[in-house]
Amino acid sequence: MNKNIKNEIIRLIKNLSNKKIKDLKTNQLIVGDLLDSFDMIKFISALEEKFKVKFNTKDLSIYNFEKIDRITKLVRSKMKWILEKSLEN
């Protein structure tokens, strides 16, 4: 499942970025200038819609959104939290 999430995140970035992307696994999204601030807003919205998660302001740090692996980890943690909450009810 982790690989599917990662692949979908990569697809979303490629759809938003107007830059030629060589290797997303090693590129930094913000510092590497793959996504500008407007693209990041679209990207975060796309992640929330695709994975049915909600990010809070604490989640929206440059650190969390700088690399694909960190984004994947964040999305997985949000999905896990939603699943745990639904099982409690």
N, C-alpha and C. Protein backbone atom coordinates (compact mmCIF):
# COMPACT_ATOMS: atom_id res chain seq x y z
N MET A 1 0.82 -1.19 0.00
CA MET A 1 0.00 0.00 0.00
C MET A 1 0.87 1.26 0.00
N ASN A 2 1.98 1.19 0.72
CA ASN A 2 2.88 2.35 0.79
C ASN A 2 3.38 2.75 -0.60
N LYS A 3 3.68 1.76 -1.43
CA LYS A 3 4.17 2.04 -2.78
C LYS A 3 3.07 2.68 -3.63
N ASN A 4 1.82 2.23 -3.45
CA ASN A 4 0.70 2.82 -4.18
C ASN A 4 0.50 4.27 -3.80
N ILE A 5 0.62 4.57 -2.51
CA ILE A 5 0.47 5.95 -2.05
C ILE A 5 1.58 6.80 -2.65
N LYS A 6 2.79 6.29 -2.59
CA LYS A 6 3.94 7.02 -3.13
C LYS A 6 3.79 7.27 -4.63
N ASN A 7 3.37 6.27 -5.37
CA ASN A 7 3.19 6.42 -6.82
C ASN A 7 2.11 7.45 -7.14
N GLU A 8 1.04 7.46 -6.35
CA GLU A 8 -0.03 8.42 -6.58
C GLU A 8 0.44 9.85 -6.26
N ILE A 9 1.24 9.99 -5.22
CA ILE A 9 1.80 11.30 -4.87
C ILE A 9 2.69 11.80 -6.00
N ILE A 10 3.52 10.93 -6.54
CA ILE A 10 4.38 11.30 -7.67
C ILE A 10 3.56 11.72 -8.87
N ARG A 11 2.48 10.99 -9.13
CA ARG A 11 1.60 11.34 -10.26
C ARG A 11 0.99 12.73 -10.06
N LEU A 12 0.54 13.02 -8.85
CA LEU A 12 -0.04 14.33 -8.56
C LEU A 12 0.98 15.45 -8.78
N ILE A 13 2.19 15.23 -8.34
CA ILE A 13 3.25 16.25 -8.51
C ILE A 13 3.54 16.47 -9.98
N LYS A 14 3.66 15.39 -10.73
CA LYS A 14 3.94 15.51 -12.17
C LYS A 14 2.83 16.27 -12.88
N ASN A 15 1.59 16.06 -12.45
CA ASN A 15 0.47 16.77 -13.06
C ASN A 15 0.49 18.26 -12.75
N LEU A 16 1.02 18.64 -11.60
CA LEU A 16 1.03 20.04 -11.18
C LEU A 16 2.27 20.81 -11.64
N SER A 17 3.37 20.13 -11.75
CA SER A 17 4.63 20.82 -12.05
C SER A 17 4.78 21.08 -13.54
N ASN A 18 5.20 22.28 -13.86
CA ASN A 18 5.45 22.59 -15.27
C ASN A 18 6.94 22.47 -15.59
N LYS A 19 7.70 21.95 -14.65
CA LYS A 19 9.13 21.76 -14.84
C LYS A 19 9.41 20.33 -15.29
N LYS A 20 10.50 20.16 -15.99
CA LYS A 20 10.91 18.81 -16.38
C LYS A 20 11.45 18.12 -15.13
N ILE A 21 10.89 16.97 -14.84
CA ILE A 21 11.25 16.24 -13.63
C ILE A 21 12.09 15.03 -14.00
N LYS A 22 13.31 15.01 -13.50
CA LYS A 22 14.20 13.89 -13.79
C LYS A 22 13.97 12.76 -12.80
N ASP A 23 14.13 13.04 -11.53
CA ASP A 23 14.00 11.99 -10.53
C ASP A 23 13.34 12.57 -9.28
N LEU A 24 12.09 12.31 -9.13
CA LEU A 24 11.35 12.86 -7.98
C LEU A 24 11.80 12.27 -6.66
N LYS A 25 12.38 11.09 -6.68
CA LYS A 25 12.77 10.47 -5.43
C LYS A 25 13.92 11.21 -4.76
N THR A 26 14.72 11.91 -5.53
CA THR A 26 15.85 12.64 -4.94
C THR A 26 15.64 14.15 -4.95
N ASN A 27 14.73 14.65 -5.77
CA ASN A 27 14.48 16.09 -5.83
C ASN A 27 13.72 16.58 -4.62
N GLN A 28 14.02 17.81 -4.22
CA GLN A 28 13.24 18.47 -3.18
C GLN A 28 12.16 19.28 -3.88
N LEU A 29 10.96 19.21 -3.34
CA LEU A 29 9.83 19.85 -4.02
C LEU A 29 9.88 21.36 -3.96
N ILE A 30 10.14 21.92 -2.80
CA ILE A 30 10.08 23.37 -2.64
C ILE A 30 11.43 24.00 -2.92
N VAL A 31 12.46 23.55 -2.21
CA VAL A 31 13.79 24.11 -2.41
C VAL A 31 14.26 23.82 -3.84
N GLY A 32 13.89 22.65 -4.35
CA GLY A 32 14.24 22.28 -5.72
C GLY A 32 13.39 22.98 -6.75
N ASP A 33 12.43 23.77 -6.29
CA ASP A 33 11.61 24.61 -7.16
C ASP A 33 10.74 23.83 -8.13
N LEU A 34 10.32 22.61 -7.74
CA LEU A 34 9.43 21.85 -8.61
C LEU A 34 7.99 22.37 -8.51
N LEU A 35 7.61 22.80 -7.31
CA LEU A 35 6.27 23.35 -7.10
C LEU A 35 6.39 24.73 -6.47
N ASP A 36 5.69 25.69 -7.03
CA ASP A 36 5.69 27.02 -6.40
C ASP A 36 4.59 27.06 -5.34
N SER A 37 4.41 28.20 -4.71
CA SER A 37 3.46 28.28 -3.59
C SER A 37 2.03 27.99 -4.02
N PHE A 38 1.64 28.43 -5.20
CA PHE A 38 0.28 28.14 -5.68
C PHE A 38 0.12 26.66 -5.99
N ASP A 39 1.15 26.06 -6.57
CA ASP A 39 1.11 24.63 -6.85
C ASP A 39 1.02 23.83 -5.55
N MET A 40 1.70 24.29 -4.50
CA MET A 40 1.66 23.58 -3.22
C MET A 40 0.24 23.58 -2.65
N ILE A 41 -0.46 24.68 -2.79
CA ILE A 41 -1.85 24.73 -2.32
C ILE A 41 -2.70 23.73 -3.09
N LYS A 42 -2.53 23.70 -4.40
CA LYS A 42 -3.26 22.74 -5.24
C LYS A 42 -2.89 21.31 -4.88
N PHE A 43 -1.59 21.09 -4.63
CA PHE A 43 -1.09 19.76 -4.29
C PHE A 43 -1.69 19.26 -2.97
N ILE A 44 -1.68 20.12 -1.97
CA ILE A 44 -2.24 19.74 -0.66
C ILE A 44 -3.73 19.44 -0.79
N SER A 45 -4.45 20.25 -1.53
CA SER A 45 -5.87 19.99 -1.77
C SER A 45 -6.08 18.67 -2.50
N ALA A 46 -5.25 18.40 -3.49
CA ALA A 46 -5.35 17.15 -4.25
C ALA A 46 -5.07 15.95 -3.35
N LEU A 47 -4.09 16.07 -2.46
CA LEU A 47 -3.80 14.98 -1.51
C LEU A 47 -5.00 14.73 -0.60
N GLU A 48 -5.57 15.80 -0.07
CA GLU A 48 -6.72 15.66 0.82
C GLU A 48 -7.89 15.00 0.10
N GLU A 49 -8.11 15.38 -1.12
CA GLU A 49 -9.22 14.81 -1.89
C GLU A 49 -8.95 13.36 -2.26
N LYS A 50 -7.77 13.08 -2.75
CA LYS A 50 -7.43 11.73 -3.22
C LYS A 50 -7.43 10.71 -2.09
N PHE A 51 -6.84 11.08 -0.96
CA PHE A 51 -6.67 10.12 0.13
C PHE A 51 -7.70 10.29 1.26
N LYS A 52 -8.64 11.22 1.08
CA LYS A 52 -9.70 11.46 2.06
C LYS A 52 -9.13 11.76 3.45
N VAL A 53 -8.13 12.65 3.47
CA VAL A 53 -7.49 13.08 4.72
C VAL A 53 -7.62 14.58 4.86
N LYS A 54 -7.36 15.08 6.05
CA LYS A 54 -7.34 16.51 6.31
C LYS A 54 -6.04 16.84 7.03
N PHE A 55 -5.33 17.84 6.53
CA PHE A 55 -4.11 18.28 7.18
C PHE A 55 -4.43 19.47 8.08
N ASN A 56 -3.80 19.50 9.24
CA ASN A 56 -3.94 20.66 10.11
C ASN A 56 -2.73 21.57 9.91
N THR A 57 -2.75 22.72 10.52
CA THR A 57 -1.66 23.69 10.31
C THR A 57 -0.31 23.13 10.75
N LYS A 58 -0.31 22.30 11.77
CA LYS A 58 0.94 21.68 12.24
C LYS A 58 1.55 20.76 11.16
N ASP A 59 0.70 20.11 10.40
CA ASP A 59 1.16 19.21 9.34
C ASP A 59 1.82 19.96 8.19
N LEU A 60 1.42 21.20 7.99
CA LEU A 60 1.82 21.94 6.79
C LEU A 60 3.18 22.63 6.94
N SER A 61 4.16 21.87 7.33
CA SER A 61 5.52 22.41 7.46
C SER A 61 6.32 22.09 6.20
N ILE A 62 7.30 22.89 5.94
CA ILE A 62 8.19 22.62 4.80
C ILE A 62 8.83 21.25 4.95
N TYR A 63 9.21 20.91 6.17
CA TYR A 63 9.84 19.62 6.42
C TYR A 63 8.95 18.47 5.93
N ASN A 64 7.68 18.48 6.26
CA ASN A 64 6.76 17.40 5.88
C ASN A 64 6.54 17.30 4.38
N PHE A 65 6.67 18.41 3.67
CA PHE A 65 6.34 18.43 2.25
C PHE A 65 7.57 18.60 1.35
N GLU A 66 8.75 18.43 1.90
CA GLU A 66 9.97 18.63 1.12
C GLU A 66 10.34 17.42 0.26
N LYS A 67 10.08 16.23 0.75
CA LYS A 67 10.48 15.01 0.05
C LYS A 67 9.30 14.05 -0.07
N ILE A 68 9.32 13.24 -1.09
CA ILE A 68 8.25 12.28 -1.37
C ILE A 68 8.04 11.32 -0.19
N ASP A 69 9.12 10.81 0.37
CA ASP A 69 8.99 9.85 1.47
C ASP A 69 8.31 10.48 2.69
N ARG A 70 8.60 11.74 2.96
CA ARG A 70 7.97 12.42 4.10
C ARG A 70 6.48 12.66 3.85
N ILE A 71 6.15 13.01 2.62
CA ILE A 71 4.73 13.21 2.27
C ILE A 71 3.99 11.89 2.40
N THR A 72 4.59 10.82 1.90
CA THR A 72 3.99 9.49 1.99
C THR A 72 3.75 9.11 3.44
N LYS A 73 4.74 9.33 4.27
CA LYS A 73 4.62 9.00 5.70
C LYS A 73 3.49 9.82 6.35
N LEU A 74 3.41 11.09 6.02
CA LEU A 74 2.37 11.95 6.57
C LEU A 74 0.98 11.48 6.14
N VAL A 75 0.82 11.19 4.86
CA VAL A 75 -0.48 10.72 4.35
C VAL A 75 -0.86 9.41 5.01
N ARG A 76 0.09 8.50 5.12
CA ARG A 76 -0.19 7.20 5.78
C ARG A 76 -0.61 7.39 7.23
N SER A 77 0.06 8.30 7.94
CA SER A 77 -0.30 8.53 9.35
C SER A 77 -1.71 9.10 9.46
N LYS A 78 -2.08 9.99 8.53
CA LYS A 78 -3.42 10.56 8.53
C LYS A 78 -4.47 9.49 8.21
N MET A 79 -4.16 8.63 7.26
CA MET A 79 -5.09 7.56 6.89
C MET A 79 -5.25 6.58 8.05
N LYS A 80 -4.17 6.28 8.72
CA LYS A 80 -4.21 5.37 9.87
C LYS A 80 -5.05 5.97 10.99
N TRP A 81 -4.89 7.26 11.23
CA TRP A 81 -5.64 7.94 12.28
C TRP A 81 -7.14 7.89 11.98
N ILE A 82 -7.51 8.13 10.74
CA ILE A 82 -8.93 8.09 10.33
C ILE A 82 -9.49 6.69 10.53
N LEU A 83 -8.72 5.67 10.13
CA LEU A 83 -9.16 4.28 10.28
C LEU A 83 -9.35 3.93 11.76
N GLU A 84 -8.40 4.32 12.59
CA GLU A 84 -8.51 4.04 14.02
C GLU A 84 -9.73 4.72 14.63
N LYS A 85 -9.99 5.96 14.23
CA LYS A 85 -11.16 6.69 14.73
C LYS A 85 -12.46 6.02 14.30
N SER A 86 -12.50 5.54 13.08
CA SER A 86 -13.73 4.90 12.59
C SER A 86 -13.97 3.56 13.30
N LEU A 87 -12.91 2.88 13.68
CA LEU A 87 -13.06 1.60 14.39
C LEU A 87 -13.50 1.80 15.83
N GLU A 88 -13.21 2.97 16.40
CA GLU A 88 -13.65 3.27 17.76
C GLU A 88 -15.15 3.44 17.85
N ASN A 89 -15.76 3.90 16.77
CA ASN A 89 -17.21 4.19 16.79
C ASN A 89 -18.03 2.99 16.54
